[in-house]
Amino acid sequence: MKYRYVGKSGLLVSRLSLGTMTFGAPEWGCDEKTAHRIMDIYQEHGGNFVDCANNYAGGESERIIGTYLARTDRSRLVVASKCFFPQGTTPAAYGLSRKHILHACEQSLRRLQTDYLDLYYVHAFDPYTPLEETMQALDQLVSSGKVRYIGCSNLFAWQFTLANGIAAQHDRARFICGQHMYNLIHRDVEDEVLPACSALGMSLIAWSPLGGGMLTGKYTRAAQPEQGSRMFHRQKIDGPRFWHERGFDMAEELARVAEKSGIDRLQLALGWVLREPRVASVICGVRSVEQLESNVAATDVELDDEVYSQLNSASATDPDYLVQFARHSQASVFGAHTLG
């Protein structure tokens, strides 16, 4: 297993992060015994970065991880969780208010059976709570020792840039990473999120690097996902993200590159994301040991320039106006210099 530092922090994580949305998920996930076996094998391969959220399987995922942490060496793992989504029906049971953040963290620590979280994310942006309040609450968790580092997930670049600026003004803890969807189907983070991460000394943690399974060849063109599959059970969420023409086109193009290069599709999809130096880790959720073994092997592959360029060309999209203008204006003034 290979490792990377997260942003400009000293936090060293494995390039493959173990996604745990499958733990305890009814119908398409895995049970506690299987989840613990997956975590054992993951550690045996050198993995140390476990990603969770308080809303995964209604908190069951955190509980399952907690029973595992109680019987292993906690210090060997980097455990991450998130807050934002509803944790009850009361008016203050969601969002990024100080009240909810502090309460949500306490509940996660209880389920996880640990005294601290290595990384704590805000799972989304709260338009009603001032960022000053959110960043102060997160800093309070860091100062108290309940959280080691903080990050954000699914925020626009301007949102986490503003948040870190506010934190810097008051010498408070700042986001060291942003967790975003990044794969051959969706490359929009390249326009503003990745450049903002560079400017702020943050890393990107990539979720859904396999496009919800589309890029593995698991699914074929059809009006609806196969009954019983993960995509079938999550089609209201993952359908709009991946179950469309671009998703199928990219899956088929990846299959052609795999056949031509002799490299497995899984290795191509993960290797392409990991060629981006601003990506510290890719999150892969599994529900079996066999899936985990395949993902571990795939993240050790380094794509050569030729294959990487083929995938870049095949997955390229037309740039938005601001990107077009920036590239044109920079090239006209500085020559070959373009957006990074």
Protein backbone atom coordinates (compact mmCIF):
# COMPACT_ATOMS: atom_id res chain seq x y z
CA MET A 1 0.00 0.00 0.00
CA LYS A 2 1.26 3.48 -0.90
CA TYR A 3 0.66 6.61 1.17
CA ARG A 4 0.25 10.34 0.71
CA TYR A 5 0.13 13.33 3.04
CA VAL A 6 -3.16 15.16 3.33
CA GLY A 7 -2.64 18.75 2.22
CA LYS A 8 0.14 20.53 4.08
CA SER A 9 -0.60 18.59 7.25
CA GLY A 10 1.47 15.77 8.69
CA LEU A 11 -1.42 13.32 8.32
CA LEU A 12 -0.25 10.35 6.25
CA VAL A 13 -2.97 8.15 4.74
CA SER A 14 -3.11 5.17 2.43
CA ARG A 15 -3.98 5.94 -1.19
CA LEU A 16 -6.92 3.58 -0.87
CA SER A 17 -9.45 4.71 1.71
CA LEU A 18 -11.95 2.15 2.93
CA GLY A 19 -15.45 3.47 2.31
CA THR A 20 -17.97 2.11 4.82
CA MET A 21 -21.33 3.16 3.41
CA THR A 22 -21.94 -0.55 2.74
CA PHE A 23 -21.49 -1.52 6.40
CA GLY A 24 -24.88 -2.41 7.81
CA ALA A 25 -26.75 -1.15 4.76
CA PRO A 26 -29.82 -3.32 4.18
CA GLU A 27 -30.20 -5.15 0.85
CA TRP A 28 -27.02 -3.92 -0.88
CA GLY A 29 -24.45 -3.78 1.95
CA CYS A 30 -22.71 -6.26 4.24
CA ASP A 31 -23.24 -7.49 7.78
CA GLU A 32 -21.06 -6.85 10.83
CA LYS A 33 -19.04 -10.06 10.57
CA THR A 34 -18.16 -9.42 6.92
CA ALA A 35 -17.36 -5.76 7.65
CA HIS A 36 -14.91 -6.76 10.38
CA ARG A 37 -13.25 -9.27 8.07
CA ILE A 38 -12.92 -6.56 5.42
CA MET A 39 -11.29 -4.24 7.94
CA ASP A 40 -8.87 -6.98 9.02
CA ILE A 41 -7.77 -7.64 5.43
CA TYR A 42 -7.57 -3.91 4.72
CA GLN A 43 -5.14 -3.44 7.62
CA GLU A 44 -3.14 -6.50 6.60
CA HIS A 45 -2.57 -4.83 3.22
CA GLY A 46 -1.35 -1.67 4.96
CA GLY A 47 -4.54 0.37 4.67
CA ASN A 48 -5.08 2.89 7.44
CA PHE A 49 -7.76 5.35 6.24
CA VAL A 50 -11.37 4.49 7.18
CA ASP A 51 -14.10 6.81 5.88
CA CYS A 52 -17.53 6.99 7.46
CA ALA A 53 -20.43 9.39 8.16
CA ASN A 54 -23.02 9.55 10.89
CA ASN A 55 -25.85 9.02 8.41
CA TYR A 56 -24.48 5.86 6.76
CA ALA A 57 -27.02 3.10 7.35
CA GLY A 58 -28.69 5.33 9.91
CA GLY A 59 -25.62 5.23 12.20
CA GLU A 60 -25.21 1.46 11.91
CA SER A 61 -21.98 1.84 9.93
CA GLU A 62 -20.35 3.80 12.76
CA ARG A 63 -21.60 1.26 15.31
CA ILE A 64 -20.04 -1.61 13.33
CA ILE A 65 -16.74 0.24 13.05
CA GLY A 66 -16.92 0.93 16.77
CA THR A 67 -17.16 -2.73 17.72
CA TYR A 68 -14.10 -3.31 15.51
CA LEU A 69 -12.10 -0.44 17.03
CA ALA A 70 -12.77 -1.86 20.46
CA ARG A 71 -10.70 -4.95 19.59
CA THR A 72 -7.90 -3.48 17.46
CA ASP A 73 -5.04 -1.01 17.82
CA ARG A 74 -6.88 2.28 17.36
CA SER A 75 -3.66 4.25 16.85
CA ARG A 76 -2.94 2.42 13.58
CA LEU A 77 -6.06 3.81 11.89
CA VAL A 78 -7.05 7.21 10.57
CA VAL A 79 -10.80 7.29 11.23
CA ALA A 80 -12.94 9.93 9.51
CA SER A 81 -16.60 10.76 9.92
CA LYS A 82 -18.99 13.55 8.93
CA CYS A 83 -21.89 15.64 10.16
CA PHE A 84 -24.69 17.68 8.58
CA PHE A 85 -27.63 15.43 7.73
CA PRO A 86 -30.59 14.94 10.10
CA GLN A 87 -29.97 12.89 13.23
CA GLY A 88 -33.50 13.12 14.54
CA THR A 89 -36.70 15.07 14.05
CA THR A 90 -36.07 18.08 16.28
CA PRO A 91 -35.41 21.49 14.68
CA ALA A 92 -31.74 21.51 15.72
CA ALA A 93 -30.93 17.93 14.65
CA TYR A 94 -29.24 18.83 11.36
CA GLY A 95 -27.04 21.45 9.69
CA LEU A 96 -23.80 23.07 10.84
CA SER A 97 -24.83 25.03 13.90
CA ARG A 98 -22.57 24.86 16.94
CA LYS A 99 -25.30 22.92 18.75
CA HIS A 100 -25.62 20.27 16.07
CA ILE A 101 -21.90 19.89 15.31
CA LEU A 102 -20.98 19.34 18.96
CA HIS A 103 -23.88 16.96 19.55
CA ALA A 104 -23.29 15.03 16.32
CA CYS A 105 -19.60 14.58 17.14
CA GLU A 106 -20.39 13.26 20.61
CA GLN A 107 -22.85 10.76 19.14
CA SER A 108 -20.33 9.60 16.53
CA LEU A 109 -17.67 9.11 19.19
CA ARG A 110 -20.09 7.05 21.23
CA ARG A 111 -21.05 4.80 18.30
CA LEU A 112 -17.42 4.47 17.21
CA GLN A 113 -16.27 3.66 20.75
CA THR A 114 -13.35 6.05 20.50
CA ASP A 115 -12.21 9.20 22.28
CA TYR A 116 -11.33 11.08 19.12
CA LEU A 117 -11.76 11.33 15.35
CA ASP A 118 -8.68 11.76 13.21
CA LEU A 119 -10.62 13.68 10.56
CA TYR A 120 -14.05 15.28 10.86
CA TYR A 121 -15.85 16.57 7.79
CA VAL A 122 -18.78 18.88 7.31
CA HIS A 123 -20.82 16.79 4.88
CA ALA A 124 -22.44 19.67 3.00
CA PHE A 125 -22.88 23.44 3.12
CA ASP A 126 -25.39 25.02 5.52
CA PRO A 127 -26.79 28.23 3.96
CA TYR A 128 -28.45 29.30 7.22
CA THR A 129 -25.60 29.02 9.73
CA PRO A 130 -22.83 31.65 9.57
CA LEU A 131 -19.50 30.16 8.58
CA GLU A 132 -17.95 31.92 11.58
CA GLU A 133 -20.10 29.77 13.89
CA THR A 134 -19.34 26.55 12.02
CA MET A 135 -15.59 27.10 11.97
CA GLN A 136 -15.54 28.12 15.64
CA ALA A 137 -17.41 24.94 16.61
CA LEU A 138 -15.00 22.78 14.61
CA ASP A 139 -12.03 24.56 16.19
CA GLN A 140 -13.56 23.87 19.60
CA LEU A 141 -13.57 20.15 18.79
CA VAL A 142 -9.91 20.30 17.74
CA SER A 143 -8.92 22.30 20.84
CA SER A 144 -10.71 19.82 23.09
CA GLY A 145 -8.86 16.87 21.53
CA LYS A 146 -12.00 15.20 20.22
CA VAL A 147 -10.95 15.86 16.61
CA ARG A 148 -7.43 15.94 15.16
CA TYR A 149 -8.09 17.53 11.75
CA ILE A 150 -11.09 18.95 9.91
CA GLY A 151 -12.23 18.71 6.31
CA CYS A 152 -15.22 19.49 4.13
CA SER A 153 -17.26 17.48 1.67
CA ASN A 154 -19.25 18.56 -1.40
CA LEU A 155 -18.60 22.29 -0.94
CA PHE A 156 -18.05 24.75 -3.77
CA ALA A 157 -14.53 26.13 -3.99
CA TRP A 158 -15.66 29.60 -2.89
CA GLN A 159 -17.34 28.12 0.18
CA PHE A 160 -14.33 26.28 1.60
CA THR A 161 -12.01 29.12 0.55
CA LEU A 162 -14.13 31.59 2.50
CA ALA A 163 -14.36 29.20 5.46
CA ASN A 164 -10.58 28.78 5.65
CA GLY A 165 -10.11 32.53 5.32
CA ILE A 166 -12.41 33.11 8.28
CA ALA A 167 -10.56 30.48 10.31
CA ALA A 168 -7.21 32.03 9.42
CA GLN A 169 -8.36 35.45 10.65
CA HIS A 170 -8.93 33.99 14.10
CA ASP A 171 -6.03 31.51 14.06
CA ARG A 172 -8.42 28.57 14.16
CA ALA A 173 -8.25 25.09 12.67
CA ARG A 174 -8.69 25.03 8.89
CA PHE A 175 -9.85 22.44 6.41
CA ILE A 176 -6.95 20.27 5.27
CA CYS A 177 -8.93 18.50 2.55
CA GLY A 178 -12.11 18.48 0.53
CA GLN A 179 -13.95 15.25 -0.22
CA HIS A 180 -15.47 15.37 -3.69
CA MET A 181 -16.71 13.06 -6.42
CA TYR A 182 -13.95 12.63 -9.01
CA ASN A 183 -13.85 10.04 -11.76
CA LEU A 184 -13.66 9.66 -15.53
CA ILE A 185 -17.37 10.46 -15.82
CA HIS A 186 -17.33 13.60 -13.66
CA ARG A 187 -14.27 15.86 -13.95
CA ASP A 188 -15.83 19.20 -12.98
CA VAL A 189 -13.65 19.55 -9.85
CA GLU A 190 -10.73 20.28 -12.17
CA ASP A 191 -12.14 23.72 -13.00
CA GLU A 192 -12.15 25.35 -9.57
CA VAL A 193 -12.04 22.85 -6.69
CA LEU A 194 -8.61 21.39 -7.45
CA PRO A 195 -6.98 24.80 -8.12
CA ALA A 196 -8.49 26.12 -4.88
CA CYS A 197 -7.13 23.12 -3.00
CA SER A 198 -3.67 23.89 -4.39
CA ALA A 199 -3.88 27.53 -3.35
CA LEU A 200 -5.00 26.65 0.18
CA GLY A 201 -2.64 23.75 0.77
CA MET A 202 -5.50 21.23 0.81
CA SER A 203 -5.81 17.78 -0.72
CA LEU A 204 -8.76 16.26 -2.50
CA ILE A 205 -10.15 12.96 -1.22
CA ALA A 206 -11.97 11.38 -4.16
CA TRP A 207 -15.23 9.55 -3.59
CA SER A 208 -16.91 7.34 -6.17
CA PRO A 209 -13.72 6.98 -8.28
CA LEU A 210 -15.40 4.04 -10.03
CA GLY A 211 -18.52 5.99 -10.95
CA GLY A 212 -20.85 3.98 -8.74
CA GLY A 213 -19.55 0.78 -10.35
CA MET A 214 -20.23 1.95 -13.92
CA LEU A 215 -16.52 2.02 -14.81
CA THR A 216 -15.89 -1.57 -13.69
CA GLY A 217 -18.12 -3.06 -16.40
CA LYS A 218 -20.63 -4.19 -13.80
CA TYR A 219 -23.50 -2.55 -15.66
CA THR A 220 -24.51 -2.51 -19.33
CA ARG A 221 -26.78 -0.17 -21.24
CA ALA A 222 -30.37 -0.62 -20.12
CA ALA A 223 -33.37 1.46 -19.23
CA GLN A 224 -33.10 0.46 -15.56
CA PRO A 225 -30.39 -1.12 -13.36
CA GLU A 226 -30.70 -4.82 -12.69
CA GLN A 227 -33.02 -5.56 -9.79
CA GLY A 228 -31.15 -6.21 -6.57
CA SER A 229 -27.97 -4.36 -7.62
CA ARG A 230 -26.54 -1.46 -5.65
CA MET A 231 -27.48 0.91 -8.47
CA PHE A 232 -31.03 -0.42 -8.35
CA HIS A 233 -31.39 0.29 -4.65
CA ARG A 234 -29.71 3.72 -4.96
CA GLN A 235 -31.01 4.78 -8.36
CA LYS A 236 -32.73 7.90 -7.00
CA ILE A 237 -29.31 9.14 -5.84
CA ASP A 238 -26.79 7.45 -8.14
CA GLY A 239 -28.99 7.26 -11.24
CA PRO A 240 -28.75 10.96 -12.13
CA ARG A 241 -25.03 10.87 -11.41
CA PHE A 242 -24.07 7.90 -13.58
CA TRP A 243 -26.98 6.18 -15.33
CA HIS A 244 -26.94 8.27 -18.50
CA GLU A 245 -25.35 8.42 -21.94
CA ARG A 246 -22.05 9.90 -20.80
CA GLY A 247 -21.76 7.26 -18.09
CA PHE A 248 -22.29 4.40 -20.52
CA ASP A 249 -20.10 6.00 -23.19
CA MET A 250 -17.21 6.41 -20.77
CA ALA A 251 -17.59 2.85 -19.46
CA GLU A 252 -17.42 1.52 -23.02
CA GLU A 253 -14.44 3.72 -23.88
CA LEU A 254 -12.65 2.51 -20.77
CA ALA A 255 -13.26 -1.07 -21.85
CA ARG A 256 -11.64 -0.31 -25.23
CA VAL A 257 -8.57 1.24 -23.57
CA ALA A 258 -8.36 -1.75 -21.22
CA GLU A 259 -8.40 -4.21 -24.11
CA LYS A 260 -5.80 -2.24 -26.06
CA SER A 261 -3.44 -1.66 -23.11
CA GLY A 262 -3.92 -4.99 -21.36
CA ILE A 263 -4.66 -3.17 -18.10
CA ASP A 264 -7.71 -4.05 -16.05
CA ARG A 265 -10.57 -1.51 -16.08
CA LEU A 266 -10.46 -1.18 -12.31
CA GLN A 267 -6.76 -0.35 -12.44
CA LEU A 268 -7.33 2.17 -15.21
CA ALA A 269 -10.15 3.98 -13.42
CA LEU A 270 -8.38 4.21 -10.06
CA GLY A 271 -4.96 4.80 -11.58
CA TRP A 272 -6.28 7.74 -13.59
CA VAL A 273 -7.61 9.50 -10.48
CA LEU A 274 -4.42 8.80 -8.53
CA ARG A 275 -2.25 10.30 -11.27
CA GLU A 276 -3.57 13.65 -10.02
CA PRO A 277 -1.03 14.73 -7.35
CA ARG A 278 -3.59 16.82 -5.49
CA VAL A 279 -5.59 13.67 -4.73
CA ALA A 280 -4.42 12.15 -1.44
CA SER A 281 -6.68 9.10 -1.47
CA VAL A 282 -9.54 7.42 -3.32
CA ILE A 283 -12.50 6.06 -1.37
CA CYS A 284 -13.75 2.64 -2.42
CA GLY A 285 -16.71 1.06 -0.70
CA VAL A 286 -16.88 -2.74 -0.77
CA ARG A 287 -19.20 -5.42 0.55
CA SER A 288 -16.89 -8.41 0.19
CA VAL A 289 -13.27 -9.34 0.78
CA GLU A 290 -12.92 -10.18 -2.92
CA GLN A 291 -13.88 -6.63 -3.91
CA LEU A 292 -11.39 -5.23 -1.42
CA GLU A 293 -8.55 -7.40 -2.74
CA SER A 294 -9.22 -6.17 -6.29
CA ASN A 295 -9.24 -2.52 -5.21
CA VAL A 296 -6.03 -2.85 -3.21
CA ALA A 297 -4.21 -4.37 -6.18
CA ALA A 298 -5.56 -1.68 -8.50
CA THR A 299 -4.32 1.27 -6.43
CA ASP A 300 -0.72 0.05 -6.60
CA VAL A 301 -0.67 0.43 -10.40
CA GLU A 302 1.00 3.53 -11.88
CA LEU A 303 -0.34 4.46 -15.32
CA ASP A 304 2.18 5.44 -17.95
CA ASP A 305 1.87 8.70 -19.87
CA GLU A 306 0.43 7.14 -23.02
CA VAL A 307 -2.45 5.35 -21.29
CA TYR A 308 -3.11 8.35 -19.07
CA SER A 309 -3.32 10.61 -22.12
CA GLN A 310 -5.76 8.23 -23.83
CA LEU A 311 -8.06 8.34 -20.82
CA ASN A 312 -7.74 12.11 -20.56
CA SER A 313 -8.76 12.54 -24.18
CA ALA A 314 -11.60 10.03 -23.97
CA SER A 315 -13.12 11.64 -20.87
CA ALA A 316 -12.57 15.30 -21.75
CA THR A 317 -15.59 17.61 -21.74
CA ASP A 318 -16.11 21.02 -23.28
CA PRO A 319 -14.85 23.68 -20.85
CA ASP A 320 -17.25 26.22 -19.38
CA TYR A 321 -17.01 29.86 -20.36
CA LEU A 322 -14.81 30.96 -17.45
CA VAL A 323 -12.32 28.18 -18.15
CA GLN A 324 -12.32 29.01 -21.86
CA PHE A 325 -11.75 32.69 -21.16
CA ALA A 326 -9.02 32.08 -18.59
CA ARG A 327 -7.12 29.75 -20.90
CA HIS A 328 -7.41 32.11 -23.84
CA SER A 329 -6.43 35.22 -21.89
CA GLN A 330 -3.49 33.53 -20.16
CA ALA A 331 -2.23 32.03 -23.42
CA SER A 332 -2.48 35.41 -25.19
CA VAL A 333 -0.43 37.12 -22.48
CA PHE A 334 1.88 34.39 -21.15
CA GLY A 335 2.15 32.09 -24.15
CA ALA A 336 1.80 28.40 -23.36
CA HIS A 337 0.88 28.98 -19.71
CA THR A 338 -2.62 27.68 -18.91
CA LEU A 339 -4.76 26.94 -15.91
CA GLY A 340 -3.30 24.39 -13.50
